[in-house]
């Protein structure tokens, strides 16, 4: 079974590498006390680019529509950077 959270986090790692300013996503997860509560709002990456990165990661796995939606919700709604 594929770990959906890990797929989401892989996409988020790449998204935050490209975001302005960049961010070490793993560090934000491992050390939340070092970051503001809404830290993700301090980083920007256009929604179209976030979608391209997410789709690339989803395409690597044979996921059901429901699984893809779960990953998408985690990336875009839960952890994704601000999209200008």
Protein backbone atom coordinates (compact mmCIF):
# COMPACT_ATOMS: atom_id res chain seq x y z
CA UNK A 1 0.00 0.00 0.00
CA UNK A 2 1.22 3.46 -0.88
CA UNK A 3 1.66 5.94 1.95
CA UNK A 4 -0.47 8.88 0.82
CA UNK A 5 1.05 11.23 3.36
CA UNK A 6 4.54 10.51 2.05
CA UNK A 7 3.42 11.24 -1.53
CA UNK A 8 1.95 14.54 -0.34
CA UNK A 9 5.10 15.41 1.60
CA UNK A 10 7.32 14.59 -1.39
CA UNK A 11 5.32 17.04 -3.49
CA UNK A 12 5.44 19.64 -0.71
CA UNK A 13 9.20 19.31 -0.39
CA UNK A 14 9.55 20.22 -4.06
CA UNK A 15 6.93 22.97 -3.89
CA UNK A 16 8.68 24.65 -0.96
CA UNK A 17 12.08 24.35 -2.67
CA UNK A 18 10.66 26.51 -5.47
CA UNK A 19 8.60 28.82 -3.27
CA UNK A 20 9.71 32.38 -2.52
CA UNK A 21 11.26 32.39 -0.05
CA UNK A 22 12.27 28.75 -0.08
CA UNK A 23 11.68 26.52 2.93
CA UNK A 24 12.95 23.21 4.25
CA UNK A 25 9.56 21.52 4.57
CA UNK A 26 10.92 18.68 6.70
CA UNK A 27 12.39 21.16 9.18
CA UNK A 28 9.03 22.93 9.45
CA UNK A 29 7.36 19.61 10.27
CA UNK A 30 10.03 18.44 12.69
CA UNK A 31 10.47 21.77 14.51
CA UNK A 32 7.09 23.51 14.51
CA UNK A 33 8.08 25.56 17.56
CA UNK A 34 10.64 27.36 15.36
CA UNK A 35 7.94 28.63 12.99
CA UNK A 36 4.97 30.97 13.26
CA UNK A 37 1.56 29.32 13.49
CA UNK A 38 0.63 30.18 9.88
CA UNK A 39 4.17 29.83 8.46
CA UNK A 40 2.92 28.60 5.09
CA UNK A 41 1.40 32.03 4.40
CA UNK A 42 4.91 33.53 4.32
CA UNK A 43 5.85 31.57 1.18
CA UNK A 44 4.60 32.08 -2.36
CA UNK A 45 4.31 29.86 -5.40
CA UNK A 46 1.79 30.29 -8.20
CA UNK A 47 -1.11 27.82 -8.07
CA UNK A 48 -0.41 26.58 -11.61
CA UNK A 49 3.13 25.62 -10.67
CA UNK A 50 1.98 23.94 -7.47
CA UNK A 51 -0.51 21.94 -9.55
CA UNK A 52 2.21 20.88 -12.03
CA UNK A 53 4.43 19.62 -9.22
CA UNK A 54 1.55 17.83 -7.51
CA UNK A 55 0.44 16.14 -10.74
CA UNK A 56 4.00 14.96 -11.40
CA UNK A 57 4.06 13.25 -8.00
CA UNK A 58 0.56 11.78 -8.40
CA UNK A 59 1.47 10.35 -11.82
CA UNK A 60 4.31 8.33 -10.26
CA UNK A 61 1.78 6.20 -8.37
CA UNK A 62 -1.21 4.09 -9.30
CA UNK A 63 -3.75 5.84 -7.08
CA UNK A 64 -7.52 5.73 -7.05
CA UNK A 65 -9.48 8.96 -7.51
CA UNK A 66 -10.17 8.99 -3.78
CA UNK A 67 -6.48 8.59 -2.95
CA UNK A 68 -5.51 11.35 -5.38
CA UNK A 69 -8.08 13.64 -3.76
CA UNK A 70 -6.70 12.88 -0.30
CA UNK A 71 -3.16 13.77 -1.42
CA UNK A 72 -4.42 16.90 -3.20
CA UNK A 73 -6.26 18.06 -0.08
CA UNK A 74 -3.14 17.63 2.05
CA UNK A 75 -0.92 19.50 -0.40
CA UNK A 76 -3.18 22.33 -1.49
CA UNK A 77 -5.41 22.93 1.51
CA UNK A 78 -3.42 21.79 4.52
CA UNK A 79 0.22 22.67 3.83
CA UNK A 80 0.56 24.47 0.52
CA UNK A 81 2.14 27.92 0.31
CA UNK A 82 0.17 31.04 -0.51
CA UNK A 83 -0.73 31.24 -4.17
CA UNK A 84 -0.67 34.77 -5.63
